[in-house]
Every structure is written in structure tokens, then in C-alpha cells.
């Protein structure tokens, strides 16, 4: 875990140094402005840690403010870094081409100042689009035809939710909107594929009861995502179970002779030494092969050794490309 955090903060600090140098090159600001900008960036580098500490001591309003600021800034910085780096590569290619061809290619180049403003405004626009797009709850319907669901059972409706991140930013109002859509679909099975919670949820334990209004015919099943481990596994599992989910952590079951469901822990748990690491192949091999097998796995990575042993894998984690790329 220490290595993970060290790597993250080194990379994150490096992108801030790059952004600072690019901003200075484009705007040529003075020492005072440089100090203010450096102080702000230093605050943003440590924002994730500050948020967790503010949560820990019950300073919820401050934690929420820092959370909004820090995570929106992270998105803007990442997009700025990506696009600005592309402009840097283009300028290098123009420069190298001029040397090779022994020609002045400056006419097709782009200035540092112009590339800065293009990168910055693109980053801001895309980040705010991503923020509001994420607030727009969209239901995607997929029909899978299979002979492994008996005619007696009929159509089986599985509803998946993922990466809800209940915590500082995602509160009761948004959860109610999500669950209202789930309710209207009348699912036979409800699954949560990780990151149901995010951060300290001591003050939100009561909203787990909102899930109890939804009682699918064959039950509710959940797995861990990486944020369950960040939030504190014990309280995350307690919240999920209070919401009525059966948490699958490297285990599988056959539900009323209708469908097989298997679930595995997110590998993030290995860095904490508390993940129930199992062989997906061995886990799935124990199930009835003539029934439809559903695999719940937070990260959308298919284990080649398990191919052919499940019919559908449901995952989350990437937020369906909420932030390019």
C-alpha cells in the first residue's frame, strides 16, 4: 500500500510540476503569482489525504468542499496534461522535421501560449461536461438470448448498478434517483459490481435502508471494488449487507436452480492483505455447467483461464469512459 501511495503521489506531483512550468511559459507571471499557484497546486496534490483526514474528524462540510475542489481539479489537470503533451510532441516533430529536411517549418508550428490556452479550455469544458453527464442517470438495456435459462423460469431480468460511490459527494438525493429507476425495471436479480461506497460513511448508514424497498425475486448480490478497501472494508461490508445484498468474496452459488452467480474481490485488497484471492477457473469449475453463469468482477478484465466457464461477466470501475481516454 505504501508503494502504491508513493507511486501515485510522485506521478501526481510530476503532472503538477509539468502544468506549473507550462503555465509559467505561457503566461510569464511574476514571483508572487508563482508562489500562489504553487501553494494551490501543493494543496491539490495532498487533497485526497486532506479529505480523508477531514472525514475522520467529522468535519463533513470542509471535507465535501475539499472533495469537490480536489477531484474536479484532478480531472482538469489530467485532461490538460494529456492534450498539452500532445502539443509538445507535435512541436518536437516539427522541430525534428526542420532539422532533418534543413527547412524552416515554424510556419506549421504552434506556440506554447496558444497550445496552453487550447489545452486549458478543452480540459475545463470536457471536465464540466463529464461532471454533469455523470449526474444524468441513463439506463442501458441489453438482451441476451440463451438456452441455459429454462422455459419455466422465462425471461430473467438482471439489473446492474456500479460505482455509485455513496459518500461525501453522492448523497441520499442521487441514490433515490438511481433506485427509482431500478424499481421501475422490476428486476429479478439486482447486482452491485463494486464501489457502492466511498470514504467514511458513518453519517450515511441510515440510507442503506433505501435499498430495502427493492426486493428482487432471486435476491441482491454484490462484490467489492477498490473503494470498499479505501473506505474501510468492515464498514463498507456492513453498509452493503444492511442494504440487503449478499456479498460474494471469492465464492459462488446456484440460485434456486435457475442461475449460477460467482463474485470475486477487487485486487486492490491484496495491497491491504485482506483480499480473498481465488482462482476464477477453480471457482467457476465447481458450478453446474448447464445453467447460465454470471460472473461479477469489478474491473473489466477477462481472465483467459476462465473463458468458457461463464456466460456473462458484469463489471464496472472505468465509469464507461467518463473522462477520456
Protein backbone atom coordinates (compact mmCIF):
# COMPACT_ATOMS: atom_id res chain seq x y z
CA UNK A 1 0.00 0.00 0.00
CA UNK A 2 2.87 2.37 0.84
CA UNK A 3 4.42 1.74 -2.57
CA UNK A 4 1.08 2.39 -4.28
CA UNK A 5 0.60 5.72 -2.47
CA UNK A 6 4.19 6.76 -3.10
CA UNK A 7 3.88 5.98 -6.81
CA UNK A 8 0.56 7.81 -7.06
CA UNK A 9 1.81 10.97 -5.36
CA UNK A 10 5.06 11.01 -7.34
CA UNK A 11 3.14 10.81 -10.62
CA UNK A 12 0.51 13.29 -9.44
CA UNK A 13 3.18 15.72 -8.21
CA UNK A 14 5.02 15.32 -11.52
CA UNK A 15 1.94 16.33 -13.52
CA UNK A 16 1.58 19.40 -11.31
CA UNK A 17 5.21 20.38 -11.92
CA UNK A 18 4.62 19.99 -15.67
CA UNK A 19 1.43 22.09 -15.51
CA UNK A 20 3.19 24.77 -13.45
CA UNK A 21 6.06 25.04 -15.95
CA UNK A 22 3.68 25.11 -18.91
CA UNK A 23 1.59 27.84 -17.25
CA UNK A 24 4.66 29.93 -16.48
CA UNK A 25 5.99 29.54 -20.03
CA UNK A 26 2.64 30.64 -21.48
CA UNK A 27 1.76 33.49 -19.10
CA UNK A 28 5.21 34.63 -17.93
CA UNK A 29 3.83 35.53 -14.49
CA UNK A 30 5.87 37.06 -11.70
CA UNK A 31 7.18 35.61 -8.45
CA UNK A 32 4.11 36.44 -6.35
CA UNK A 33 1.71 34.73 -8.77
CA UNK A 34 4.07 31.78 -8.96
CA UNK A 35 4.01 31.38 -5.18
CA UNK A 36 0.20 31.47 -5.05
CA UNK A 37 -0.09 28.97 -7.90
CA UNK A 38 2.50 26.66 -6.35
CA UNK A 39 0.68 26.80 -2.99
CA UNK A 40 -2.63 25.94 -4.65
CA UNK A 41 -1.07 23.03 -6.54
CA UNK A 42 0.59 21.74 -3.39
CA UNK A 43 -2.80 21.79 -1.68
CA UNK A 44 -4.35 19.87 -4.58
CA UNK A 45 -1.58 17.25 -4.54
CA UNK A 46 -2.46 16.35 -0.97
CA UNK A 47 -6.22 16.92 -1.35
CA UNK A 48 -7.09 13.16 -1.26
CA UNK A 49 -5.29 12.79 2.09
CA UNK A 50 -6.76 16.02 3.46
CA UNK A 51 -10.27 14.86 2.52
CA UNK A 52 -9.85 11.56 4.38
CA UNK A 53 -8.50 13.32 7.47
CA UNK A 54 -11.34 15.86 7.48
CA UNK A 55 -13.80 12.97 7.21
CA UNK A 56 -12.07 11.12 10.01
CA UNK A 57 -12.53 14.04 12.40
CA UNK A 58 -16.14 14.67 11.39
CA UNK A 59 -15.54 17.94 9.51
CA UNK A 60 -18.02 16.99 6.81
CA UNK A 61 -18.65 20.40 5.20
CA UNK A 62 -14.93 21.10 4.84
CA UNK A 63 -14.36 17.57 3.57
CA UNK A 64 -17.08 17.92 0.92
CA UNK A 65 -15.72 21.28 -0.24
CA UNK A 66 -12.20 19.89 -0.50
CA UNK A 67 -13.52 16.77 -2.21
CA UNK A 68 -15.37 18.69 -4.92
CA UNK A 69 -12.41 21.02 -5.49
CA UNK A 70 -9.76 18.31 -5.43
CA UNK A 71 -11.46 15.79 -7.69
CA UNK A 72 -12.67 18.30 -10.27
CA UNK A 73 -9.14 19.72 -10.33
CA UNK A 74 -7.73 16.20 -10.80
CA UNK A 75 -9.90 15.75 -13.91
CA UNK A 76 -8.93 19.16 -15.32
CA UNK A 77 -5.25 18.53 -14.67
CA UNK A 78 -5.29 15.08 -16.27
CA UNK A 79 -7.01 16.34 -19.41
CA UNK A 80 -4.73 19.38 -19.60
CA UNK A 81 -1.65 17.19 -19.20
CA UNK A 82 -2.80 14.78 -21.92
CA UNK A 83 -3.63 17.43 -24.53
CA UNK A 84 -0.64 19.66 -23.71
CA UNK A 85 1.69 16.69 -24.01
CA UNK A 86 0.24 16.01 -27.47
CA UNK A 87 1.06 19.60 -28.49
CA UNK A 88 4.59 19.16 -27.11
CA UNK A 89 5.02 16.06 -29.24
CA UNK A 90 3.76 17.93 -32.30
CA UNK A 91 6.20 20.79 -31.70
CA UNK A 92 9.04 18.30 -31.31
CA UNK A 93 8.13 16.60 -34.59
CA UNK A 94 8.04 19.97 -36.37
CA UNK A 95 11.43 20.86 -34.89
CA UNK A 96 12.94 17.46 -35.75
CA UNK A 97 11.47 17.60 -39.24
CA UNK A 98 13.06 21.01 -39.80
CA UNK A 99 16.47 19.66 -38.78
CA UNK A 100 16.18 16.60 -40.99
CA UNK A 101 14.86 18.48 -44.01
CA UNK A 102 17.01 21.55 -43.28
CA UNK A 103 13.97 23.76 -43.68
CA UNK A 104 12.23 26.33 -41.55
CA UNK A 105 8.95 24.65 -40.57
CA UNK A 106 7.97 27.20 -37.94
CA UNK A 107 5.03 28.22 -40.11
CA UNK A 108 3.22 24.98 -39.32
CA UNK A 109 4.14 25.03 -35.63
CA UNK A 110 2.02 26.17 -32.73
CA UNK A 111 3.16 28.50 -29.99
CA UNK A 112 3.48 27.47 -26.35
CA UNK A 113 0.98 30.17 -25.38
CA UNK A 114 -1.68 29.09 -27.89
CA UNK A 115 -1.28 25.39 -27.07
CA UNK A 116 -1.63 26.24 -23.36
CA UNK A 117 -4.93 28.06 -23.81
CA UNK A 118 -6.33 25.37 -26.14
CA UNK A 119 -5.36 22.62 -23.69
CA UNK A 120 -6.67 24.51 -20.67
CA UNK A 121 -10.07 25.41 -22.10
CA UNK A 122 -10.54 21.94 -23.56
CA UNK A 123 -9.77 20.44 -20.16
CA UNK A 124 -12.23 22.73 -18.36
CA UNK A 125 -15.04 22.20 -20.88
CA UNK A 126 -14.64 18.41 -21.00
CA UNK A 127 -14.35 18.14 -17.21
CA UNK A 128 -17.54 20.05 -16.57
CA UNK A 129 -19.32 18.12 -19.32
CA UNK A 130 -18.18 14.90 -17.61
CA UNK A 131 -19.42 16.15 -14.25
CA UNK A 132 -22.92 16.95 -15.47
CA UNK A 133 -23.05 13.88 -17.72
CA UNK A 134 -22.31 11.70 -14.68
CA UNK A 135 -25.30 13.25 -12.90
CA UNK A 136 -27.56 12.22 -15.77
CA UNK A 137 -28.67 8.68 -14.94
CA UNK A 138 -29.11 6.61 -18.09
CA UNK A 139 -30.44 3.07 -18.23
CA UNK A 140 -28.91 0.81 -20.85
CA UNK A 141 -30.88 -2.28 -21.84
CA UNK A 142 -29.18 -5.34 -23.29
CA UNK A 143 -30.97 -8.52 -24.36
CA UNK A 144 -29.04 -11.79 -24.19
CA UNK A 145 -30.55 -14.89 -25.75
CA UNK A 146 -29.57 -18.17 -24.13
CA UNK A 147 -30.80 -21.73 -23.90
CA UNK A 148 -29.44 -22.02 -20.34
CA UNK A 149 -32.46 -20.32 -18.78
CA UNK A 150 -35.37 -22.75 -18.65
CA UNK A 151 -38.72 -22.03 -20.25
CA UNK A 152 -40.32 -22.47 -16.85
CA UNK A 153 -38.23 -19.59 -15.50
CA UNK A 154 -38.94 -17.42 -18.51
CA UNK A 155 -37.29 -14.07 -19.07
CA UNK A 156 -34.79 -13.23 -16.35
CA UNK A 157 -34.21 -9.53 -15.74
CA UNK A 158 -30.85 -8.65 -14.15
CA UNK A 159 -30.26 -5.03 -13.15
CA UNK A 160 -26.69 -3.89 -12.54
CA UNK A 161 -25.57 -0.84 -10.61
CA UNK A 162 -21.90 0.02 -10.27
CA UNK A 163 -19.58 2.71 -8.93
CA UNK A 164 -22.31 4.57 -7.07
CA UNK A 165 -19.69 5.94 -4.62
CA UNK A 166 -22.04 6.78 -1.77
CA UNK A 167 -20.15 9.18 0.46
CA UNK A 168 -19.19 12.84 0.52
CA UNK A 169 -20.38 13.70 -2.99
CA UNK A 170 -23.02 11.08 -3.75
CA UNK A 171 -25.76 11.51 -1.18
CA UNK A 172 -29.32 10.41 -0.50
CA UNK A 173 -30.87 12.53 -3.27
CA UNK A 174 -28.87 10.87 -6.04
CA UNK A 175 -29.26 7.40 -4.57
CA UNK A 176 -33.04 7.85 -4.54
CA UNK A 177 -32.95 8.75 -8.24
CA UNK A 178 -30.90 5.65 -9.02
CA UNK A 179 -33.14 3.36 -7.01
CA UNK A 180 -36.28 4.83 -8.54
CA UNK A 181 -35.05 3.71 -11.95
CA UNK A 182 -34.14 0.30 -10.55
CA UNK A 183 -37.60 -0.03 -9.03
CA UNK A 184 -39.38 0.77 -12.29
CA UNK A 185 -37.49 -2.06 -14.01
CA UNK A 186 -38.77 -4.67 -11.53
CA UNK A 187 -35.58 -6.75 -11.56
CA UNK A 188 -35.46 -10.48 -10.85
CA UNK A 189 -31.87 -10.01 -9.67
CA UNK A 190 -30.05 -6.84 -8.58
CA UNK A 191 -26.24 -6.79 -8.62
CA UNK A 192 -23.76 -4.17 -7.44
CA UNK A 193 -20.37 -4.59 -9.09
CA UNK A 194 -18.22 -2.66 -6.64
CA UNK A 195 -17.56 0.85 -5.33
CA UNK A 196 -21.00 1.11 -3.79
CA UNK A 197 -19.47 3.27 -1.06
CA UNK A 198 -16.64 5.78 -1.00
CA UNK A 199 -14.88 7.09 2.09
CA UNK A 200 -16.26 7.39 5.60
CA UNK A 201 -19.98 6.59 5.64
CA UNK A 202 -20.68 6.74 9.36
CA UNK A 203 -23.18 9.55 8.88
CA UNK A 204 -24.89 7.84 5.95
CA UNK A 205 -25.57 4.41 7.41
CA UNK A 206 -29.30 5.13 7.55
CA UNK A 207 -29.67 5.43 3.79
CA UNK A 208 -28.82 1.74 3.37
CA UNK A 209 -32.48 1.23 4.21
CA UNK A 210 -33.47 2.75 0.87
CA UNK A 211 -32.33 -0.47 -0.79
CA UNK A 212 -34.74 -2.50 1.32
CA UNK A 213 -37.62 -1.16 -0.73
CA UNK A 214 -36.30 -3.23 -3.64
CA UNK A 215 -36.82 -6.98 -3.25
CA UNK A 216 -35.96 -8.88 -6.45
CA UNK A 217 -37.37 -12.38 -6.85
CA UNK A 218 -33.95 -14.06 -6.71
CA UNK A 219 -32.12 -11.62 -4.48
CA UNK A 220 -29.44 -8.93 -4.42
CA UNK A 221 -25.74 -9.69 -4.84
CA UNK A 222 -22.66 -7.51 -4.51
CA UNK A 223 -18.88 -7.61 -4.75
CA UNK A 224 -16.12 -5.34 -3.53
CA UNK A 225 -14.50 -2.64 -5.64
CA UNK A 226 -11.27 -0.82 -4.89
CA UNK A 227 -13.12 1.90 -2.97
CA UNK A 228 -14.57 -0.55 -0.48
CA UNK A 229 -11.00 -1.08 0.69
CA UNK A 230 -10.24 2.66 0.67
CA UNK A 231 -13.35 3.36 2.74
CA UNK A 232 -12.58 0.66 5.28
CA UNK A 233 -13.67 -2.84 4.39
CA UNK A 234 -15.57 -3.64 7.58
CA UNK A 235 -17.86 -0.61 7.43
CA UNK A 236 -18.27 -0.95 3.65
CA UNK A 237 -19.37 -4.58 4.00
CA UNK A 238 -21.66 -3.68 6.90
CA UNK A 239 -23.36 -1.00 4.79
CA UNK A 240 -23.72 -3.33 1.80
CA UNK A 241 -25.21 -6.11 3.90
CA UNK A 242 -27.51 -3.65 5.67
CA UNK A 243 -28.76 -2.73 2.18
CA UNK A 244 -29.79 -6.36 1.73
CA UNK A 245 -27.01 -7.57 -0.55
CA UNK A 246 -25.30 -10.93 -0.28
CA UNK A 247 -21.62 -10.09 -0.71
CA UNK A 248 -19.68 -12.57 -2.84
CA UNK A 249 -15.99 -12.59 -1.98
CA UNK A 250 -14.40 -15.38 -3.96
CA UNK A 251 -17.41 -17.62 -3.74
CA UNK A 252 -20.25 -18.78 -5.94
CA UNK A 253 -23.72 -20.23 -5.62
CA UNK A 254 -26.61 -21.57 -7.62
CA UNK A 255 -29.75 -19.51 -7.05
CA UNK A 256 -32.86 -21.66 -6.74
CA UNK A 257 -31.68 -23.94 -9.54
CA UNK A 258 -32.10 -21.06 -12.01
CA UNK A 259 -28.73 -19.34 -12.42
CA UNK A 260 -25.15 -19.54 -11.18
CA UNK A 261 -23.66 -16.37 -9.70
CA UNK A 262 -19.98 -16.00 -8.79
CA UNK A 263 -18.18 -12.97 -7.41
CA UNK A 264 -14.57 -12.08 -6.70
CA UNK A 265 -12.81 -9.41 -4.65
CA UNK A 266 -11.16 -6.45 -6.30
CA UNK A 267 -7.37 -6.95 -6.43
CA UNK A 268 -6.90 -3.69 -4.51
CA UNK A 269 -7.50 -5.74 -1.41
CA UNK A 270 -4.18 -7.51 -1.93
CA UNK A 271 -2.32 -4.28 -1.11
CA UNK A 272 -4.09 -4.31 2.26
CA UNK A 273 -3.55 -8.02 2.76
CA UNK A 274 -7.29 -8.65 3.18
CA UNK A 275 -8.42 -9.78 -0.26
CA UNK A 276 -9.89 -13.24 -0.67
CA UNK A 277 -7.85 -14.08 -3.73
CA UNK A 278 -9.15 -17.14 -5.53
CA UNK A 279 -8.64 -18.85 -8.86
CA UNK A 280 -11.56 -17.83 -11.08
CA UNK A 281 -11.14 -21.05 -13.04
CA UNK A 282 -11.40 -23.21 -9.93
CA UNK A 283 -14.30 -21.15 -8.59
CA UNK A 284 -16.33 -21.40 -11.79
CA UNK A 285 -15.47 -25.05 -12.40
CA UNK A 286 -17.45 -26.03 -9.32
CA UNK A 287 -20.73 -24.73 -10.78
CA UNK A 288 -23.35 -26.55 -12.84
CA UNK A 289 -22.29 -26.18 -16.45
CA UNK A 290 -25.83 -26.49 -17.82
CA UNK A 291 -27.00 -23.32 -16.06
CA UNK A 292 -26.34 -19.73 -17.09
CA UNK A 293 -23.32 -18.49 -15.14
CA UNK A 294 -22.95 -14.83 -14.17
CA UNK A 295 -19.53 -13.59 -13.03
CA UNK A 296 -19.33 -10.38 -11.00
CA UNK A 297 -15.92 -8.72 -11.18
CA UNK A 298 -15.26 -5.04 -10.51
CA UNK A 299 -12.55 -4.47 -13.11
CA UNK A 300 -13.48 -5.27 -16.73
CA UNK A 301 -10.58 -7.65 -17.29
CA UNK A 302 -11.34 -11.11 -18.63
CA UNK A 303 -9.27 -13.92 -17.15
CA UNK A 304 -8.26 -16.08 -20.11
CA UNK A 305 -8.09 -19.16 -17.90
CA UNK A 306 -11.78 -18.70 -17.05
CA UNK A 307 -13.05 -18.27 -20.62
CA UNK A 308 -15.75 -20.80 -21.39
CA UNK A 309 -16.70 -21.24 -17.75
CA UNK A 310 -19.08 -18.28 -17.53
CA UNK A 311 -21.70 -16.81 -19.84
CA UNK A 312 -21.67 -13.16 -18.79
CA UNK A 313 -19.24 -11.02 -16.83
CA UNK A 314 -20.58 -7.80 -15.33
CA UNK A 315 -18.00 -5.20 -14.30
CA UNK A 316 -17.62 -1.51 -13.55
CA UNK A 317 -14.61 0.54 -12.43
CA UNK A 318 -13.98 2.58 -15.61
CA UNK A 319 -17.22 4.64 -15.34
CA UNK A 320 -17.76 3.87 -19.03
CA UNK A 321 -15.03 6.28 -20.08
CA UNK A 322 -16.39 9.25 -18.13
CA UNK A 323 -13.04 11.00 -18.55
CA UNK A 324 -11.11 10.50 -21.81
CA UNK A 325 -9.25 8.27 -22.54
